[in-house]
Each structure stands twice: as C-alpha cells, then as structure tokens.
Amino acid sequence: MNAYRLTGDLCHLASKVILILTIHLRKSAEGISLLTQMLYALVFLTRYTDIFNPHASAYVTIFKWTYILTSFYIIYVMLRVFKRSREEEREWRVAAAILAISFVFAPICWGLKEVIWKETKRGDWVTQIPWTFSIILESLAVLPQISLLRYTAIPTAITSYYLLALGIYRALYIPNWIVRYNDPEDHFFEPWAVVFGVLQTILYVEFAWIYWRRQRVKIRDNGAILDGEDFIAGGLILRWIGKLGGKSGERTTGGGWRGRGAGGGGGISVSADEEADLVGEEFGDSDEDDEDEGLESESGSEGAVIR
C-alpha cells in the first residue's frame, strides 16, 4: 500500500468523524443532505459485497465496516436525533436520476471493460456489476447536497475542515492510481474508477465553490431570499441545477424547510424571518447594511475506493 492511498483513506475517515462531531456540537444537521448521505450508504453496501471475506486484510475489513457503520449512524442522527433541512421535490428528482443512471450504466460499463480493456482485473459479474454501480453512484451522490446548499440560507453543519478532508481524500486517489499502475507487482488499472473518480473530483470542486460563496451570503430586509443569479453563475453544475427550477430568486429559504426536534419529535417549520435572524447573527450584518446590499450566495461526499 502506498502513502497516497493510506493518507487518502485516513482523510476520508476524518471527514466522517468531523461531520459527526460537528452535528453533535451544533446539535443540528441543517444543511446536510439526507439524500446524499443515503446514497453514500448505498455506495458502501454495493461496493463491499465481499466484506465477510476471511482472506481480506484487517486494514481493509476495518475500514469497510467503519465506512458502513458511520454512514448509517449519520442517517440515524439526522432522522431521529437532530433537526435537519428537508429536501424538496427538486432534490428527490436529482437523487432518482442518479440512481437510474447508475443502474442503467453499471452493466454497460462492466461489459465494455470486459471486452475492451483486457488488462483489467477480471471477476464474477455478481460482484463486479454492483462494484461498478457504486463507482458511478459515488461520483454523482453529492448533487443533492449541492442543490440543497444552494437554497439554504441558515448556518449549516458543513465546515471548512470537513471540505478540506474530503478534498484531500479525493485528490490523493489520483496519484494513488498512477503509482499502482506503474507498480510491476500491482499494475492496477480500473478505467471506470479513473473516469468517474475524475468526475467526482470536478463535483467536489463545485462543492467547495458553493461553500466559499456561501460565506458571503447576505439576507435582504424583505425576507430570506437568495439572490442566486450571481451565485449560480460560478459553476457548471449550479447552472444546470438552477435551470431545473427556474429563477432562483423566486424561491425562498423559509417555510419550505423543515426539521425534526431533538429526540426525534415532530417536524418544526423554520420561517423566513427566523432564518433571516439566524443568518444575520451568524454573519454580524446590521439592518443598515442590508438596506444597501443585495444578496450573494455556498457539501459525501464522500466515498471510499477501498480495493
């Protein structure tokens, strides 16, 4: 095992720990996409079909179990413990499209690999097609998170440390592939892992862009309305998501978002006025500043490629 993969795996694990700790410290999961976290859990379940393999190394087995358990723990606290942002129809459509794309293209990509790339690792289709499905799914799973953050004006559980850990994890897997390919004893070559890994890296750049832009969020004095035209202009994915729902300025970040109270109680609605107060306190904006300024606008991803 090379240092790039080891460091990448540790950074990915650190991102999960950071996310869990942040949710507990803030006692809130607002701004975290439940759909994205559920997609990541499905990624691990379909990728690690050999998790009970007695011949696997302890390192690989421990990391596989850790990724699966932490993913389901995050889902649990979002559903039953802390309040969260609730996705609207837009995010559900995006998640459904991601699942459909992954389901359709997984056997196609596997078949092409078996026919075209003779030097790739061969395996039983029963395990290889789910593995390919997980690779495609992981590369796209962050899209619901991107869509959610675009319309959330209140402070979120996403932090720069979480993004940094995710970014390092994803970036280090690229030199890891190069090192493994040039290793005569390994000569690892998985074309779809590289293709969809690069796609995932691009989406993570969009993710980081959203977060950076979101630090400059301002709230208009007539309500918590995102001035998204300037916001979406900076990224390709944001432009595509923006076209799905019309002009972003027509949508508020208020009553459409709901959360669960601590302990899994009934949902609570967060009004636009309450969100405006929260964001004003977060960024220290005064009423006078709001009169003169407009609104500028800001996520699992994650995923591991343990092989």
C-alpha atoms as a PDB file:
ATOM      1  CA  MET A   1       0.000   0.000   0.000  1.00  0.00           C
ATOM      2  CA  ASN A   2       1.380   3.386  -0.998  1.00  0.00           C
ATOM      3  CA  ALA A   3       1.336   6.536   1.100  1.00  0.00           C
ATOM      4  CA  TYR A   4      -1.199   8.284  -1.164  1.00  0.00           C
ATOM      5  CA  ARG A   5      -3.859   5.668  -0.584  1.00  0.00           C
ATOM      6  CA  LEU A   6      -3.200   5.429   3.147  1.00  0.00           C
ATOM      7  CA  THR A   7      -3.373   9.197   3.597  1.00  0.00           C
ATOM      8  CA  GLY A   8      -6.445   9.416   1.377  1.00  0.00           C
ATOM      9  CA  ASP A   9      -8.280   6.740   3.365  1.00  0.00           C
ATOM     10  CA  LEU A  10      -7.416   8.419   6.654  1.00  0.00           C
ATOM     11  CA  CYS A  11      -8.612  11.796   5.353  1.00  0.00           C
ATOM     12  CA  HIS A  12     -11.880  10.278   4.219  1.00  0.00           C
ATOM     13  CA  LEU A  13     -12.361   8.685   7.622  1.00  0.00           C
ATOM     14  CA  ALA A  14     -11.506  12.031   9.223  1.00  0.00           C
ATOM     15  CA  SER A  15     -14.195  13.745   7.129  1.00  0.00           C
ATOM     16  CA  LYS A  16     -16.832  11.412   8.547  1.00  0.00           C
ATOM     17  CA  VAL A  17     -15.623  11.959  12.106  1.00  0.00           C
ATOM     18  CA  ILE A  18     -15.609  15.737  11.575  1.00  0.00           C
ATOM     19  CA  LEU A  19     -19.158  15.659  10.199  1.00  0.00           C
ATOM     20  CA  ILE A  20     -20.458  13.572  13.114  1.00  0.00           C
ATOM     21  CA  LEU A  21     -18.726  15.748  15.718  1.00  0.00           C
ATOM     22  CA  THR A  22     -19.970  18.947  14.075  1.00  0.00           C
ATOM     23  CA  ILE A  23     -23.566  17.695  14.071  1.00  0.00           C
ATOM     24  CA  HIS A  24     -23.330  16.807  17.764  1.00  0.00           C
ATOM     25  CA  LEU A  25     -21.575  20.022  18.787  1.00  0.00           C
ATOM     26  CA  ARG A  26     -24.079  22.206  16.947  1.00  0.00           C
ATOM     27  CA  LYS A  27     -26.976  19.911  17.847  1.00  0.00           C
ATOM     28  CA  SER A  28     -28.191  20.332  14.297  1.00  0.00           C
ATOM     29  CA  ALA A  29     -27.882  18.597  10.938  1.00  0.00           C
ATOM     30  CA  GLU A  30     -29.306  21.516   8.962  1.00  0.00           C
ATOM     31  CA  GLY A  31     -27.698  21.997   5.591  1.00  0.00           C
ATOM     32  CA  ILE A  32     -26.682  18.329   5.351  1.00  0.00           C
ATOM     33  CA  SER A  33     -28.440  16.433   2.576  1.00  0.00           C
ATOM     34  CA  LEU A  34     -30.092  13.271   3.866  1.00  0.00           C
ATOM     35  CA  LEU A  35     -30.402  12.039   0.293  1.00  0.00           C
ATOM     36  CA  THR A  36     -26.660  12.386  -0.285  1.00  0.00           C
ATOM     37  CA  GLN A  37     -25.889  10.524   2.940  1.00  0.00           C
ATOM     38  CA  MET A  38     -28.309   7.740   1.974  1.00  0.00           C
ATOM     39  CA  LEU A  39     -26.696   7.458  -1.446  1.00  0.00           C
ATOM     40  CA  TYR A  40     -23.277   7.143   0.179  1.00  0.00           C
ATOM     41  CA  ALA A  41     -24.557   4.368   2.430  1.00  0.00           C
ATOM     42  CA  LEU A  42     -25.802   2.551  -0.670  1.00  0.00           C
ATOM     43  CA  VAL A  43     -22.385   3.084  -2.270  1.00  0.00           C
ATOM     44  CA  PHE A  44     -20.680   1.196   0.540  1.00  0.00           C
ATOM     45  CA  LEU A  45     -23.261  -1.600   0.656  1.00  0.00           C
ATOM     46  CA  THR A  46     -22.953  -2.323  -3.068  1.00  0.00           C
ATOM     47  CA  ARG A  47     -19.184  -1.915  -3.198  1.00  0.00           C
ATOM     48  CA  TYR A  48     -18.271  -4.048  -0.223  1.00  0.00           C
ATOM     49  CA  THR A  49     -20.135  -7.230  -1.114  1.00  0.00           C
ATOM     50  CA  ASP A  50     -17.023  -9.150  -0.046  1.00  0.00           C
ATOM     51  CA  ILE A  51     -16.999  -7.679   3.440  1.00  0.00           C
ATOM     52  CA  PHE A  52     -17.169 -11.142   5.034  1.00  0.00           C
ATOM     53  CA  ASN A  53     -14.218 -12.439   3.013  1.00  0.00           C
ATOM     54  CA  PRO A  54     -11.966 -14.228   5.544  1.00  0.00           C
ATOM     55  CA  HIS A  55      -8.907 -13.685   3.333  1.00  0.00           C
ATOM     56  CA  ALA A  56      -9.157  -9.882   3.301  1.00  0.00           C
ATOM     57  CA  SER A  57      -6.613  -7.890   5.274  1.00  0.00           C
ATOM     58  CA  ALA A  58      -7.564  -6.466   8.659  1.00  0.00           C
ATOM     59  CA  TYR A  59      -6.940  -2.934   7.356  1.00  0.00           C
ATOM     60  CA  VAL A  60      -9.427  -3.276   4.502  1.00  0.00           C
ATOM     61  CA  THR A  61     -12.051  -5.020   6.634  1.00  0.00           C
ATOM     62  CA  ILE A  62     -11.881  -2.420   9.419  1.00  0.00           C
ATOM     63  CA  PHE A  63     -12.213   0.480   7.000  1.00  0.00           C
ATOM     64  CA  LYS A  64     -15.117  -1.140   5.158  1.00  0.00           C
ATOM     65  CA  TRP A  65     -17.072  -1.700   8.367  1.00  0.00           C
ATOM     66  CA  THR A  66     -16.214   1.795   9.600  1.00  0.00           C
ATOM     67  CA  TYR A  67     -17.497   3.458   6.430  1.00  0.00           C
ATOM     68  CA  ILE A  68     -20.747   1.480   6.510  1.00  0.00           C
ATOM     69  CA  LEU A  69     -21.456   1.979  10.213  1.00  0.00           C
ATOM     70  CA  THR A  70     -20.616   5.694  10.264  1.00  0.00           C
ATOM     71  CA  SER A  71     -22.792   6.269   7.192  1.00  0.00           C
ATOM     72  CA  PHE A  72     -25.808   4.664   8.834  1.00  0.00           C
ATOM     73  CA  TYR A  73     -25.096   6.480  12.096  1.00  0.00           C
ATOM     74  CA  ILE A  74     -25.183   9.837  10.298  1.00  0.00           C
ATOM     75  CA  ILE A  75     -28.509   8.875   8.724  1.00  0.00           C
ATOM     76  CA  TYR A  76     -29.859   7.854  12.141  1.00  0.00           C
ATOM     77  CA  VAL A  77     -28.989  11.118  13.896  1.00  0.00           C
ATOM     78  CA  MET A  78     -30.409  13.105  11.000  1.00  0.00           C
ATOM     79  CA  LEU A  79     -33.709  11.218  11.112  1.00  0.00           C
ATOM     80  CA  ARG A  80     -34.180  10.667  14.834  1.00  0.00           C
ATOM     81  CA  VAL A  81     -31.993  12.971  16.909  1.00  0.00           C
ATOM     82  CA  PHE A  82     -31.298  16.428  15.462  1.00  0.00           C
ATOM     83  CA  LYS A  83     -33.230  18.841  13.283  1.00  0.00           C
ATOM     84  CA  ARG A  84     -32.345  18.806   9.633  1.00  0.00           C
ATOM     85  CA  SER A  85     -33.139  20.529   6.366  1.00  0.00           C
ATOM     86  CA  ARG A  86     -35.736  18.655   4.387  1.00  0.00           C
ATOM     87  CA  GLU A  87     -35.186  18.262   0.655  1.00  0.00           C
ATOM     88  CA  GLU A  88     -37.888  19.373  -1.716  1.00  0.00           C
ATOM     89  CA  GLU A  89     -39.060  17.739  -4.932  1.00  0.00           C
ATOM     90  CA  ARG A  90     -36.046  19.067  -6.841  1.00  0.00           C
ATOM     91  CA  GLU A  91     -33.558  17.105  -4.737  1.00  0.00           C
ATOM     92  CA  TRP A  92     -35.684  13.938  -4.880  1.00  0.00           C
ATOM     93  CA  ARG A  93     -35.756  14.152  -8.674  1.00  0.00           C
ATOM     94  CA  VAL A  94     -31.982  14.554  -8.778  1.00  0.00           C
ATOM     95  CA  ALA A  95     -31.482  11.547  -6.461  1.00  0.00           C
ATOM     96  CA  ALA A  96     -33.854   9.403  -8.535  1.00  0.00           C
ATOM     97  CA  ALA A  97     -31.992  10.362 -11.714  1.00  0.00           C
ATOM     98  CA  ILE A  98     -28.669   9.444 -10.111  1.00  0.00           C
ATOM     99  CA  LEU A  99     -29.968   6.005  -9.124  1.00  0.00           C
ATOM    100  CA  ALA A 100     -31.408   5.417 -12.594  1.00  0.00           C
ATOM    101  CA  ILE A 101     -28.186   6.460 -14.338  1.00  0.00           C
ATOM    102  CA  SER A 102     -26.083   4.244 -12.071  1.00  0.00           C
ATOM    103  CA  PHE A 103     -28.430   1.274 -12.509  1.00  0.00           C
ATOM    104  CA  VAL A 104     -28.519   1.542 -16.306  1.00  0.00           C
ATOM    105  CA  PHE A 105     -24.847   2.246 -16.930  1.00  0.00           C
ATOM    106  CA  ALA A 106     -23.344  -0.205 -14.412  1.00  0.00           C
ATOM    107  CA  PRO A 107     -23.800  -3.348 -16.576  1.00  0.00           C
ATOM    108  CA  ILE A 108     -22.914  -1.398 -19.726  1.00  0.00           C
ATOM    109  CA  CYS A 109     -19.647  -0.104 -18.261  1.00  0.00           C
ATOM    110  CA  TRP A 110     -18.800  -3.536 -16.859  1.00  0.00           C
ATOM    111  CA  GLY A 111     -19.408  -5.168 -20.251  1.00  0.00           C
ATOM    112  CA  LEU A 112     -17.272  -2.615 -22.080  1.00  0.00           C
ATOM    113  CA  LYS A 113     -14.455  -3.122 -19.606  1.00  0.00           C
ATOM    114  CA  GLU A 114     -14.547  -6.891 -20.074  1.00  0.00           C
ATOM    115  CA  VAL A 115     -14.441  -6.564 -23.868  1.00  0.00           C
ATOM    116  CA  ILE A 116     -12.111  -3.603 -24.433  1.00  0.00           C
ATOM    117  CA  TRP A 117      -9.643  -3.462 -21.548  1.00  0.00           C
ATOM    118  CA  LYS A 118      -8.082  -6.900 -21.394  1.00  0.00           C
ATOM    119  CA  GLU A 119      -5.565  -5.959 -18.720  1.00  0.00           C
ATOM    120  CA  THR A 120      -8.172  -5.073 -16.111  1.00  0.00           C
ATOM    121  CA  LYS A 121      -8.956  -7.283 -13.166  1.00  0.00           C
ATOM    122  CA  ARG A 122     -11.483  -9.979 -14.005  1.00  0.00           C
ATOM    123  CA  GLY A 123     -14.199 -11.025 -11.609  1.00  0.00           C
ATOM    124  CA  ASP A 124     -17.626 -12.533 -11.190  1.00  0.00           C
ATOM    125  CA  TRP A 125     -20.331 -10.288 -12.664  1.00  0.00           C
ATOM    126  CA  VAL A 126     -22.363 -10.797  -9.478  1.00  0.00           C
ATOM    127  CA  THR A 127     -19.812  -8.724  -7.558  1.00  0.00           C
ATOM    128  CA  GLN A 128     -18.338  -6.633 -10.381  1.00  0.00           C
ATOM    129  CA  ILE A 129     -21.594  -5.045 -11.569  1.00  0.00           C
ATOM    130  CA  PRO A 130     -22.545  -3.851  -8.042  1.00  0.00           C
ATOM    131  CA  TRP A 131     -18.986  -2.542  -7.685  1.00  0.00           C
ATOM    132  CA  THR A 132     -19.307  -0.604 -10.962  1.00  0.00           C
ATOM    133  CA  PHE A 133     -22.719   0.654  -9.820  1.00  0.00           C
ATOM    134  CA  SER A 134     -21.110   2.006  -6.641  1.00  0.00           C
ATOM    135  CA  ILE A 135     -18.372   3.798  -8.595  1.00  0.00           C
ATOM    136  CA  ILE A 136     -20.913   5.629 -10.755  1.00  0.00           C
ATOM    137  CA  LEU A 137     -23.208   6.340  -7.807  1.00  0.00           C
ATOM    138  CA  GLU A 138     -20.407   7.749  -5.664  1.00  0.00           C
ATOM    139  CA  SER A 139     -19.318  10.180  -8.366  1.00  0.00           C
ATOM    140  CA  LEU A 140     -22.808  11.728  -8.545  1.00  0.00           C
ATOM    141  CA  ALA A 141     -24.026  11.385  -4.960  1.00  0.00           C
ATOM    142  CA  VAL A 142     -23.005  14.923  -3.989  1.00  0.00           C
ATOM    143  CA  LEU A 143     -25.521  16.526  -6.381  1.00  0.00           C
ATOM    144  CA  PRO A 144     -28.462  16.592  -3.913  1.00  0.00           C
ATOM    145  CA  GLN A 145     -26.121  18.265  -1.419  1.00  0.00           C
ATOM    146  CA  ILE A 146     -25.187  20.894  -3.988  1.00  0.00           C
ATOM    147  CA  SER A 147     -28.840  21.572  -4.713  1.00  0.00           C
ATOM    148  CA  LEU A 148     -29.736  21.760  -1.014  1.00  0.00           C
ATOM    149  CA  LEU A 149     -26.982  24.215  -0.081  1.00  0.00           C
ATOM    150  CA  ARG A 150     -27.922  26.473  -2.947  1.00  0.00           C
ATOM    151  CA  TYR A 151     -31.277  27.165  -1.298  1.00  0.00           C
ATOM    152  CA  THR A 152     -30.340  27.096   2.382  1.00  0.00           C
ATOM    153  CA  ALA A 153     -29.665  30.470   3.999  1.00  0.00           C
ATOM    154  CA  ILE A 154     -29.340  29.332   7.617  1.00  0.00           C
ATOM    155  CA  PRO A 155     -25.987  28.212   9.116  1.00  0.00           C
ATOM    156  CA  THR A 156     -25.185  24.591   8.259  1.00  0.00           C
ATOM    157  CA  ALA A 157     -23.164  21.732   9.732  1.00  0.00           C
ATOM    158  CA  ILE A 158     -20.805  21.852   6.742  1.00  0.00           C
ATOM    159  CA  THR A 159     -17.391  23.172   7.820  1.00  0.00           C
ATOM    160  CA  SER A 160     -14.163  24.041   6.046  1.00  0.00           C
ATOM    161  CA  TYR A 161     -12.414  21.197   7.889  1.00  0.00           C
ATOM    162  CA  TYR A 162     -14.929  18.707   6.518  1.00  0.00           C
ATOM    163  CA  LEU A 163     -14.433  20.008   2.985  1.00  0.00           C
ATOM    164  CA  LEU A 164     -10.650  20.016   3.359  1.00  0.00           C
ATOM    165  CA  ALA A 165     -10.611  16.380   4.481  1.00  0.00           C
ATOM    166  CA  LEU A 166     -12.878  15.363   1.591  1.00  0.00           C
ATOM    167  CA  GLY A 167     -10.811  17.309  -0.917  1.00  0.00           C
ATOM    168  CA  ILE A 168      -7.519  15.785   0.211  1.00  0.00           C
ATOM    169  CA  TYR A 169      -9.040  12.295   0.157  1.00  0.00           C
ATOM    170  CA  ARG A 170     -10.301  12.682  -3.392  1.00  0.00           C
ATOM    171  CA  ALA A 171      -7.166  14.422  -4.680  1.00  0.00           C
ATOM    172  CA  LEU A 172      -4.786  11.797  -3.270  1.00  0.00           C
ATOM    173  CA  TYR A 173      -6.535   8.942  -5.030  1.00  0.00           C
ATOM    174  CA  ILE A 174      -5.372  10.284  -8.401  1.00  0.00           C
ATOM    175  CA  PRO A 175      -1.624   9.835  -7.683  1.00  0.00           C
ATOM    176  CA  ASN A 176      -2.565   6.564  -5.962  1.00  0.00           C
ATOM    177  CA  TRP A 177      -3.895   5.233  -9.281  1.00  0.00           C
ATOM    178  CA  ILE A 178      -0.738   6.365 -11.080  1.00  0.00           C
ATOM    179  CA  VAL A 179       1.566   4.710  -8.539  1.00  0.00           C
ATOM    180  CA  ARG A 180      -0.397   1.459  -8.593  1.00  0.00           C
ATOM    181  CA  TYR A 181      -0.462   1.349 -12.389  1.00  0.00           C
ATOM    182  CA  ASN A 182       3.322   1.750 -12.575  1.00  0.00           C
ATOM    183  CA  ASP A 183       3.935  -0.837  -9.861  1.00  0.00           C
ATOM    184  CA  PRO A 184       5.007  -4.059 -11.667  1.00  0.00           C
ATOM    185  CA  GLU A 185       3.647  -6.181  -8.814  1.00  0.00           C
ATOM    186  CA  ASP A 186       0.270  -4.472  -8.771  1.00  0.00           C
ATOM    187  CA  HIS A 187      -0.263  -2.837 -12.194  1.00  0.00           C
ATOM    188  CA  PHE A 188      -3.711  -1.696 -11.088  1.00  0.00           C
ATOM    189  CA  PHE A 189      -5.899  -0.422 -13.896  1.00  0.00           C
ATOM    190  CA  GLU A 190      -9.620   0.219 -13.474  1.00  0.00           C
ATOM    191  CA  PRO A 191     -10.689   2.622 -16.241  1.00  0.00           C
ATOM    192  CA  TRP A 192     -14.131   3.388 -14.825  1.00  0.00           C
ATOM    193  CA  ALA A 193     -12.721   4.097 -11.381  1.00  0.00           C
ATOM    194  CA  VAL A 194     -10.477   6.704 -13.009  1.00  0.00           C
ATOM    195  CA  VAL A 195     -13.183   8.200 -15.253  1.00  0.00           C
ATOM    196  CA  PHE A 196     -15.806   8.551 -12.544  1.00  0.00           C
ATOM    197  CA  GLY A 197     -13.164   9.480  -9.980  1.00  0.00           C
ATOM    198  CA  VAL A 198     -12.202  12.479 -12.103  1.00  0.00           C
ATOM    199  CA  LEU A 199     -15.899  13.375 -12.438  1.00  0.00           C
ATOM    200  CA  GLN A 200     -16.269  13.180  -8.669  1.00  0.00           C
ATOM    201  CA  THR A 201     -13.252  15.439  -8.226  1.00  0.00           C
ATOM    202  CA  ILE A 202     -14.862  18.040 -10.514  1.00  0.00           C
ATOM    203  CA  LEU A 203     -18.076  17.917  -8.488  1.00  0.00           C
ATOM    204  CA  TYR A 204     -16.084  18.337  -5.271  1.00  0.00           C
ATOM    205  CA  VAL A 205     -14.570  21.496  -6.747  1.00  0.00           C
ATOM    206  CA  GLU A 206     -18.142  22.718  -7.323  1.00  0.00           C
ATOM    207  CA  PHE A 207     -18.945  21.715  -3.742  1.00  0.00           C
ATOM    208  CA  ALA A 208     -16.032  23.765  -2.417  1.00  0.00           C
ATOM    209  CA  TRP A 209     -17.061  26.700  -4.621  1.00  0.00           C
ATOM    210  CA  ILE A 210     -20.555  26.649  -3.162  1.00  0.00           C
ATOM    211  CA  TYR A 211     -19.188  26.635   0.369  1.00  0.00           C
ATOM    212  CA  TRP A 212     -16.873  29.564  -0.337  1.00  0.00           C
ATOM    213  CA  ARG A 213     -19.640  31.553  -1.993  1.00  0.00           C
ATOM    214  CA  ARG A 214     -21.975  30.753   0.858  1.00  0.00           C
ATOM    215  CA  GLN A 215     -19.695  32.501   3.348  1.00  0.00           C
ATOM    216  CA  ARG A 216     -20.665  35.738   1.577  1.00  0.00           C
ATOM    217  CA  VAL A 217     -24.414  35.208   1.965  1.00  0.00           C
ATOM    218  CA  LYS A 218     -26.453  38.310   2.789  1.00  0.00           C
ATOM    219  CA  ILE A 219     -30.129  38.491   3.632  1.00  0.00           C
ATOM    220  CA  ARG A 220     -32.436  41.073   2.110  1.00  0.00           C
ATOM    221  CA  ASP A 221     -34.524  43.055   4.567  1.00  0.00           C
ATOM    222  CA  ASN A 222     -37.714  41.845   2.861  1.00  0.00           C
ATOM    223  CA  GLY A 223     -37.073  38.184   3.663  1.00  0.00           C
ATOM    224  CA  ALA A 224     -34.566  35.344   3.385  1.00  0.00           C
ATOM    225  CA  ILE A 225     -34.396  35.226  -0.391  1.00  0.00           C
ATOM    226  CA  LEU A 226     -31.232  34.057  -2.122  1.00  0.00           C
ATOM    227  CA  ASP A 227     -30.022  36.242  -4.959  1.00  0.00           C
ATOM    228  CA  GLY A 228     -28.980  33.134  -6.850  1.00  0.00           C
ATOM    229  CA  GLU A 229     -28.325  34.572 -10.296  1.00  0.00           C
ATOM    230  CA  ASP A 230     -24.866  35.732  -9.270  1.00  0.00           C
ATOM    231  CA  PHE A 231     -24.468  32.600  -7.167  1.00  0.00           C
ATOM    232  CA  ILE A 232     -25.112  30.013  -9.877  1.00  0.00           C
ATOM    233  CA  ALA A 233     -23.040  31.862 -12.465  1.00  0.00           C
ATOM    234  CA  GLY A 234     -19.825  30.499 -10.990  1.00  0.00           C
ATOM    235  CA  GLY A 235     -20.296  26.783 -11.600  1.00  0.00           C
ATOM    236  CA  LEU A 236     -21.445  24.449 -14.355  1.00  0.00           C
ATOM    237  CA  ILE A 237     -23.386  22.156 -12.039  1.00  0.00           C
ATOM    238  CA  LEU A 238     -25.061  25.090 -10.316  1.00  0.00           C
ATOM    239  CA  ARG A 239     -26.213  26.422 -13.674  1.00  0.00           C
ATOM    240  CA  TRP A 240     -27.752  23.054 -14.540  1.00  0.00           C
ATOM    241  CA  ILE A 241     -29.491  22.747 -11.177  1.00  0.00           C
ATOM    242  CA  GLY A 242     -30.688  26.327 -11.442  1.00  0.00           C
ATOM    243  CA  LYS A 243     -32.365  25.613 -14.786  1.00  0.00           C
ATOM    244  CA  LEU A 244     -34.344  22.752 -13.257  1.00  0.00           C
ATOM    245  CA  GLY A 245     -36.297  25.081 -11.007  1.00  0.00           C
ATOM    246  CA  GLY A 246     -36.495  28.409 -12.813  1.00  0.00           C
ATOM    247  CA  LYS A 247     -35.088  31.619 -11.426  1.00  0.00           C
ATOM    248  CA  SER A 248     -33.506  31.075  -8.049  1.00  0.00           C
ATOM    249  CA  GLY A 249     -34.681  34.446  -6.839  1.00  0.00           C
ATOM    250  CA  GLU A 250     -38.272  33.180  -6.936  1.00  0.00           C
ATOM    251  CA  ARG A 251     -37.689  30.662  -4.203  1.00  0.00           C
ATOM    252  CA  THR A 252     -37.298  31.438  -0.510  1.00  0.00           C
ATOM    253  CA  THR A 253     -35.321  29.537   2.064  1.00  0.00           C
ATOM    254  CA  GLY A 254     -38.083  29.833   4.598  1.00  0.00           C
ATOM    255  CA  GLY A 255     -41.148  27.722   5.268  1.00  0.00           C
ATOM    256  CA  GLY A 256     -40.259  25.055   2.737  1.00  0.00           C
ATOM    257  CA  TRP A 257     -37.542  23.724   5.032  1.00  0.00           C
ATOM    258  CA  ARG A 258     -38.487  21.560   7.970  1.00  0.00           C
ATOM    259  CA  GLY A 259     -36.529  19.777  10.661  1.00  0.00           C
ATOM    260  CA  ARG A 260     -37.025  17.317  13.474  1.00  0.00           C
ATOM    261  CA  GLY A 261     -36.715  18.405  17.038  1.00  0.00           C
ATOM    262  CA  ALA A 262     -34.122  16.845  19.315  1.00  0.00           C
ATOM    263  CA  GLY A 263     -35.133  13.337  20.272  1.00  0.00           C
ATOM    264  CA  GLY A 264     -36.973  12.737  17.019  1.00  0.00           C
ATOM    265  CA  GLY A 265     -40.041  14.820  17.831  1.00  0.00           C
ATOM    266  CA  GLY A 266     -42.434  16.165  15.263  1.00  0.00           C
ATOM    267  CA  GLY A 267     -41.202  18.336  12.431  1.00  0.00           C
ATOM    268  CA  ILE A 268     -40.785  22.048  13.055  1.00  0.00           C
ATOM    269  CA  SER A 269     -41.132  24.657  10.369  1.00  0.00           C
ATOM    270  CA  VAL A 270     -38.477  27.344  10.094  1.00  0.00           C
ATOM    271  CA  SER A 271     -39.919  30.600   8.834  1.00  0.00           C
ATOM    272  CA  ALA A 272     -38.114  33.013   6.569  1.00  0.00           C
ATOM    273  CA  ASP A 273     -37.983  35.632   9.327  1.00  0.00           C
ATOM    274  CA  GLU A 274     -36.401  33.170  11.738  1.00  0.00           C
ATOM    275  CA  GLU A 275     -33.823  32.191   9.125  1.00  0.00           C
ATOM    276  CA  ALA A 276     -33.059  35.827   8.427  1.00  0.00           C
ATOM    277  CA  ASP A 277     -32.404  36.410  12.112  1.00  0.00           C
ATOM    278  CA  LEU A 278     -30.163  33.355  12.282  1.00  0.00           C
ATOM    279  CA  VAL A 279     -28.082  34.349   9.284  1.00  0.00           C
ATOM    280  CA  GLY A 280     -27.842  37.941  10.458  1.00  0.00           C
ATOM    281  CA  GLU A 281     -26.455  36.757  13.778  1.00  0.00           C
ATOM    282  CA  GLU A 282     -24.092  34.332  12.024  1.00  0.00           C
ATOM    283  CA  PHE A 283     -22.563  36.960   9.753  1.00  0.00           C
ATOM    284  CA  GLY A 284     -22.958  40.007  12.009  1.00  0.00           C
ATOM    285  CA  ASP A 285     -24.926  42.031   9.455  1.00  0.00           C
ATOM    286  CA  SER A 286     -26.792  45.136  10.575  1.00  0.00           C
ATOM    287  CA  ASP A 287     -30.112  46.406   9.272  1.00  0.00           C
ATOM    288  CA  GLU A 288     -28.367  49.455   7.825  1.00  0.00           C
ATOM    289  CA  ASP A 289     -26.035  47.270   5.778  1.00  0.00           C
ATOM    290  CA  ASP A 290     -28.939  45.208   4.491  1.00  0.00           C
ATOM    291  CA  GLU A 291     -30.622  48.293   3.098  1.00  0.00           C
ATOM    292  CA  ASP A 292     -27.722  48.976   0.782  1.00  0.00           C
ATOM    293  CA  GLU A 293     -26.571  45.488  -0.083  1.00  0.00           C
ATOM    294  CA  GLY A 294     -28.134  42.723  -2.101  1.00  0.00           C
ATOM    295  CA  LEU A 295     -27.645  39.040  -1.521  1.00  0.00           C
ATOM    296  CA  GLU A 296     -24.767  36.956  -2.629  1.00  0.00           C
ATOM    297  CA  SER A 297     -24.581  33.399  -2.096  1.00  0.00           C
ATOM    298  CA  GLU A 298     -22.427  28.247  -0.639  1.00  0.00           C
ATOM    299  CA  SER A 299     -21.139  19.871   0.784  1.00  0.00           C
ATOM    300  CA  GLY A 300     -20.353  12.779   0.692  1.00  0.00           C
ATOM    301  CA  SER A 301     -19.260  13.308  -0.046  1.00  0.00           C
ATOM    302  CA  GLU A 302     -17.539  11.342   0.165  1.00  0.00           C
ATOM    303  CA  GLY A 303     -16.981   7.782  -0.641  1.00  0.00           C
ATOM    304  CA  ALA A 304     -14.035   5.476  -0.420  1.00  0.00           C
ATOM    305  CA  VAL A 305     -12.420   3.281  -3.023  1.00  0.00           C
ATOM    306  CA  ILE A 306     -11.004   0.520  -0.880  1.00  0.00           C
ATOM    307  CA  ARG A 307      -9.669  -2.230  -3.044  1.00  0.00           C
END
